[in-house]
N, C-alpha and C. Protein backbone atom coordinates (compact mmCIF):
# COMPACT_ATOMS: atom_id res chain seq x y z
N MET A 1 -32.93 4.29 12.44
CA MET A 1 -32.08 5.24 12.65
C MET A 1 -31.33 5.73 11.61
N GLU A 2 -30.64 7.07 11.91
CA GLU A 2 -30.12 8.20 10.82
C GLU A 2 -28.64 8.69 11.35
N THR A 3 -27.75 8.13 10.14
CA THR A 3 -26.12 8.32 10.55
C THR A 3 -26.14 9.80 10.03
N ASP A 4 -24.99 10.15 10.78
CA ASP A 4 -23.81 11.51 10.08
C ASP A 4 -23.08 10.73 8.53
N ARG A 5 -23.22 11.22 7.73
CA ARG A 5 -22.87 11.44 6.22
C ARG A 5 -21.86 12.89 5.44
N GLU A 6 -20.40 12.31 4.56
CA GLU A 6 -19.96 13.03 4.27
C GLU A 6 -20.35 12.90 2.62
N ASP A 7 -19.85 13.93 2.31
CA ASP A 7 -19.32 13.41 0.75
C ASP A 7 -18.24 13.41 0.29
N LYS A 8 -17.61 12.32 0.63
CA LYS A 8 -16.39 12.30 0.64
C LYS A 8 -16.31 10.56 -0.03
N TRP A 9 -15.68 10.26 -0.46
CA TRP A 9 -14.96 8.98 -0.81
C TRP A 9 -13.47 8.33 -0.28
N VAL A 10 -13.05 7.32 -0.22
CA VAL A 10 -11.94 6.88 0.29
C VAL A 10 -11.22 5.51 -1.12
N LEU A 11 -10.37 5.88 -1.52
CA LEU A 11 -9.50 5.61 -2.91
C LEU A 11 -8.48 4.04 -2.24
N MET A 12 -8.58 3.41 -1.73
CA MET A 12 -7.66 1.46 -1.69
C MET A 12 -6.72 1.58 -2.98
N TYR A 13 -5.18 1.50 -2.93
CA TYR A 13 -4.71 1.64 -3.84
C TYR A 13 -3.48 0.44 -3.40
N ASP A 14 -3.34 -0.86 -4.51
CA ASP A 14 -1.72 -1.55 -4.28
C ASP A 14 -0.74 -0.72 -4.43
N VAL A 15 -0.05 -0.17 -2.79
CA VAL A 15 1.56 0.09 -3.04
C VAL A 15 2.37 -1.06 -3.17
N SER A 16 2.38 -1.57 -4.45
CA SER A 16 3.74 -2.50 -5.05
C SER A 16 4.63 -2.87 -4.81
N TRP A 17 5.62 -1.30 -4.86
CA TRP A 17 7.27 -1.22 -4.35
C TRP A 17 7.35 -1.61 -2.92
N LEU A 18 6.62 -1.73 -1.88
CA LEU A 18 7.17 -1.70 -1.03
C LEU A 18 7.53 -3.42 -0.64
N VAL A 19 7.93 -4.08 0.28
CA VAL A 19 8.55 -5.26 0.76
C VAL A 19 7.74 -4.62 2.42
N PRO A 20 6.78 -5.17 3.06
CA PRO A 20 5.57 -6.50 2.35
C PRO A 20 4.94 -5.28 1.46
N GLN A 21 4.51 -5.71 0.59
CA GLN A 21 3.53 -4.69 -0.16
C GLN A 21 2.18 -4.01 0.67
N ASN A 22 1.92 -3.34 0.37
CA ASN A 22 0.91 -2.53 1.52
C ASN A 22 -0.70 -1.92 0.15
N PHE A 23 -1.27 -1.41 0.92
CA PHE A 23 -2.15 -0.30 0.62
C PHE A 23 -2.10 0.38 0.84
N GLY A 24 -2.50 1.43 -0.06
CA GLY A 24 -2.22 2.97 0.00
C GLY A 24 -3.63 4.07 -0.05
N PHE A 25 -4.27 5.00 1.17
CA PHE A 25 -5.35 5.58 0.89
C PHE A 25 -5.25 6.78 0.73
N THR A 26 -6.75 7.39 0.54
CA THR A 26 -6.35 8.94 -0.03
C THR A 26 -7.84 9.19 0.04
N GLU A 27 -8.71 10.05 0.65
CA GLU A 27 -10.11 10.74 0.52
C GLU A 27 -10.00 12.15 -0.18
N THR A 28 -10.72 11.86 -1.08
CA THR A 28 -11.51 13.13 -1.61
C THR A 28 -12.24 13.24 -2.11
N SER A 29 -13.31 14.61 -1.85
CA SER A 29 -14.72 14.92 -2.23
C SER A 29 -15.49 15.51 -3.84
N ASP A 30 -14.41 15.62 -4.45
CA ASP A 30 -14.45 16.16 -5.65
C ASP A 30 -13.14 15.19 -6.67
N PHE A 31 -12.31 14.21 -6.41
CA PHE A 31 -11.85 14.23 -7.51
C PHE A 31 -11.11 14.98 -8.26
N VAL A 32 -10.65 15.88 -7.64
CA VAL A 32 -9.75 16.77 -8.19
C VAL A 32 -8.36 17.12 -6.97
N ASN A 33 -8.97 17.23 -5.82
CA ASN A 33 -7.73 17.22 -4.30
C ASN A 33 -7.67 16.00 -3.64
N PHE A 34 -6.60 15.13 -3.52
CA PHE A 34 -6.63 14.50 -2.23
C PHE A 34 -5.62 14.65 -1.36
N THR A 35 -6.46 13.99 0.03
CA THR A 35 -5.53 13.68 1.09
C THR A 35 -5.48 12.76 1.40
N TYR A 36 -3.87 12.80 1.51
CA TYR A 36 -3.19 11.08 2.09
C TYR A 36 -3.72 10.33 3.10
N LEU A 37 -4.06 9.28 3.14
CA LEU A 37 -4.22 8.92 4.85
C LEU A 37 -3.43 7.47 5.39
N GLY A 38 -2.26 7.55 4.56
CA GLY A 38 -0.81 6.34 4.60
C GLY A 38 -2.16 5.13 4.43
N HIS A 39 -0.93 3.96 5.09
CA HIS A 39 -1.08 3.19 4.35
C HIS A 39 -1.72 2.00 5.48
N PHE A 40 -2.21 1.08 4.50
CA PHE A 40 -2.98 0.68 5.26
C PHE A 40 -2.51 -0.51 7.11
N ASN A 41 -3.27 0.12 7.98
CA ASN A 41 -2.23 -0.41 9.51
C ASN A 41 -1.31 0.65 9.46
N GLU A 42 -1.38 1.45 9.38
CA GLU A 42 -1.07 2.58 9.71
C GLU A 42 -1.59 4.07 10.29
N GLY A 43 -2.08 4.66 11.15
CA GLY A 43 -2.42 5.48 11.35
C GLY A 43 -3.87 5.55 11.69
N VAL A 44 -4.43 6.86 10.37
CA VAL A 44 -6.33 6.81 10.75
C VAL A 44 -6.92 5.16 10.00
N MET A 45 -5.70 4.46 9.49
CA MET A 45 -6.39 3.22 8.62
C MET A 45 -6.20 1.91 9.45
N LYS A 46 -5.73 1.84 10.18
CA LYS A 46 -5.29 1.18 11.22
C LYS A 46 -6.44 0.49 11.83
N ALA A 47 -6.76 -1.13 11.20
CA ALA A 47 -7.48 -2.65 11.16
C ALA A 47 -8.16 -2.85 12.02
N THR A 48 -9.35 -2.63 12.79
CA THR A 48 -10.22 -2.92 13.50
C THR A 48 -10.82 -3.75 13.38
N ASN A 49 -11.26 -3.91 11.90
CA ASN A 49 -12.80 -5.21 12.25
C ASN A 49 -12.62 -5.46 10.68
N PHE A 50 -11.50 -5.44 9.57
CA PHE A 50 -11.24 -5.61 8.15
C PHE A 50 -10.39 -6.80 8.06
N ILE A 51 -10.92 -6.85 7.26
CA ILE A 51 -9.11 -7.96 6.33
C ILE A 51 -9.08 -7.25 5.26
N PRO A 52 -8.32 -6.21 4.69
CA PRO A 52 -7.84 -5.59 3.02
C PRO A 52 -8.05 -7.00 1.83
N LYS A 53 -9.07 -6.90 0.20
CA LYS A 53 -8.84 -7.84 -0.15
C LYS A 53 -8.19 -7.06 -1.06
N HIS A 54 -7.66 -7.57 -3.06
CA HIS A 54 -8.25 -6.70 -3.82
C HIS A 54 -8.54 -6.18 -3.69
N GLY A 55 -8.55 -5.19 -4.98
CA GLY A 55 -9.74 -5.01 -5.86
C GLY A 55 -10.11 -4.64 -6.88
N ALA A 56 -10.83 -3.77 -7.88
CA ALA A 56 -10.22 -4.27 -9.02
C ALA A 56 -10.55 -2.94 -9.92
N VAL A 57 -10.21 -2.48 -11.14
CA VAL A 57 -10.66 -1.24 -12.08
C VAL A 57 -11.85 -2.02 -12.65
N ILE A 58 -12.57 -0.90 -13.17
CA ILE A 58 -13.36 -1.02 -14.27
C ILE A 58 -13.16 0.72 -15.13
N HIS A 59 -13.47 0.59 -16.01
CA HIS A 59 -14.21 1.14 -17.09
C HIS A 59 -15.51 1.65 -16.97
N LEU A 60 -16.57 2.72 -16.37
CA LEU A 60 -17.71 2.86 -16.83
C LEU A 60 -17.78 4.64 -17.39
N THR A 61 -18.43 4.28 -18.57
CA THR A 61 -18.87 5.24 -19.54
C THR A 61 -19.69 6.67 -18.92
N ALA A 62 -19.66 7.56 -19.09
CA ALA A 62 -20.59 8.83 -18.31
C ALA A 62 -22.23 8.23 -18.19
N GLU A 63 -22.53 7.46 -18.89
CA GLU A 63 -24.10 7.07 -19.19
C GLU A 63 -24.00 6.32 -17.60
N GLU A 64 -23.15 4.59 -17.50
CA GLU A 64 -23.59 4.03 -16.47
C GLU A 64 -22.73 4.16 -14.69
N ALA A 65 -21.71 5.50 -15.14
CA ALA A 65 -21.61 6.38 -14.03
C ALA A 65 -22.98 6.87 -13.38
N ASP A 66 -23.98 7.81 -14.57
CA ASP A 66 -25.56 8.46 -14.44
C ASP A 66 -25.96 7.60 -13.26
N ARG A 67 -26.83 6.44 -14.29
CA ARG A 67 -27.01 5.04 -14.00
C ARG A 67 -27.18 4.76 -12.47
N LEU A 68 -26.44 4.66 -12.17
CA LEU A 68 -25.37 4.41 -10.95
C LEU A 68 -25.32 4.69 -9.84
N GLU A 69 -24.79 6.31 -9.70
CA GLU A 69 -25.83 7.50 -9.02
C GLU A 69 -26.88 7.53 -9.23
N GLU A 70 -28.21 7.94 -9.45
CA GLU A 70 -29.38 7.60 -9.84
C GLU A 70 -30.11 6.60 -9.31
N TYR A 71 -29.35 5.24 -9.33
CA TYR A 71 -29.71 3.90 -8.98
C TYR A 71 -29.41 4.05 -7.28
N TRP A 72 -28.63 4.46 -6.88
CA TRP A 72 -28.22 4.60 -5.36
C TRP A 72 -28.29 5.70 -4.59
N LYS A 73 -29.69 7.42 -5.55
CA LYS A 73 -29.81 7.74 -4.75
C LYS A 73 -31.29 7.56 -4.49
N VAL A 74 -31.99 6.50 -4.73
CA VAL A 74 -33.08 6.27 -4.67
C VAL A 74 -32.90 4.76 -3.42
N ASN A 75 -31.90 3.96 -3.47
CA ASN A 75 -31.90 2.61 -3.36
C ASN A 75 -30.68 2.77 -2.16
N ALA A 76 -30.60 3.63 -1.38
CA ALA A 76 -29.43 4.15 -0.76
C ALA A 76 -29.80 3.62 0.30
N ARG A 77 -28.37 3.30 1.16
CA ARG A 77 -28.78 2.16 2.74
C ARG A 77 -28.84 3.17 3.75
N LYS A 78 -30.19 2.90 4.83
CA LYS A 78 -30.59 3.58 5.74
C LYS A 78 -29.71 3.29 7.03
């Protein structure tokens, strides 16, 4: 089964200064320009089948990023 695919990323981040704390979301296709999507459970980010979990940020070298990109080009989910 083939699905429609867009070259976009959605970034999720903690908004710790809100009470209660929440998550914010932005969308990008180039990591230069970002479109704000809102907070968790608001607007297009309304949860229907998932519970948000805290993520982690790690540093990748350019070489590591290149290897991951090549891996997922070959091993993409269908």
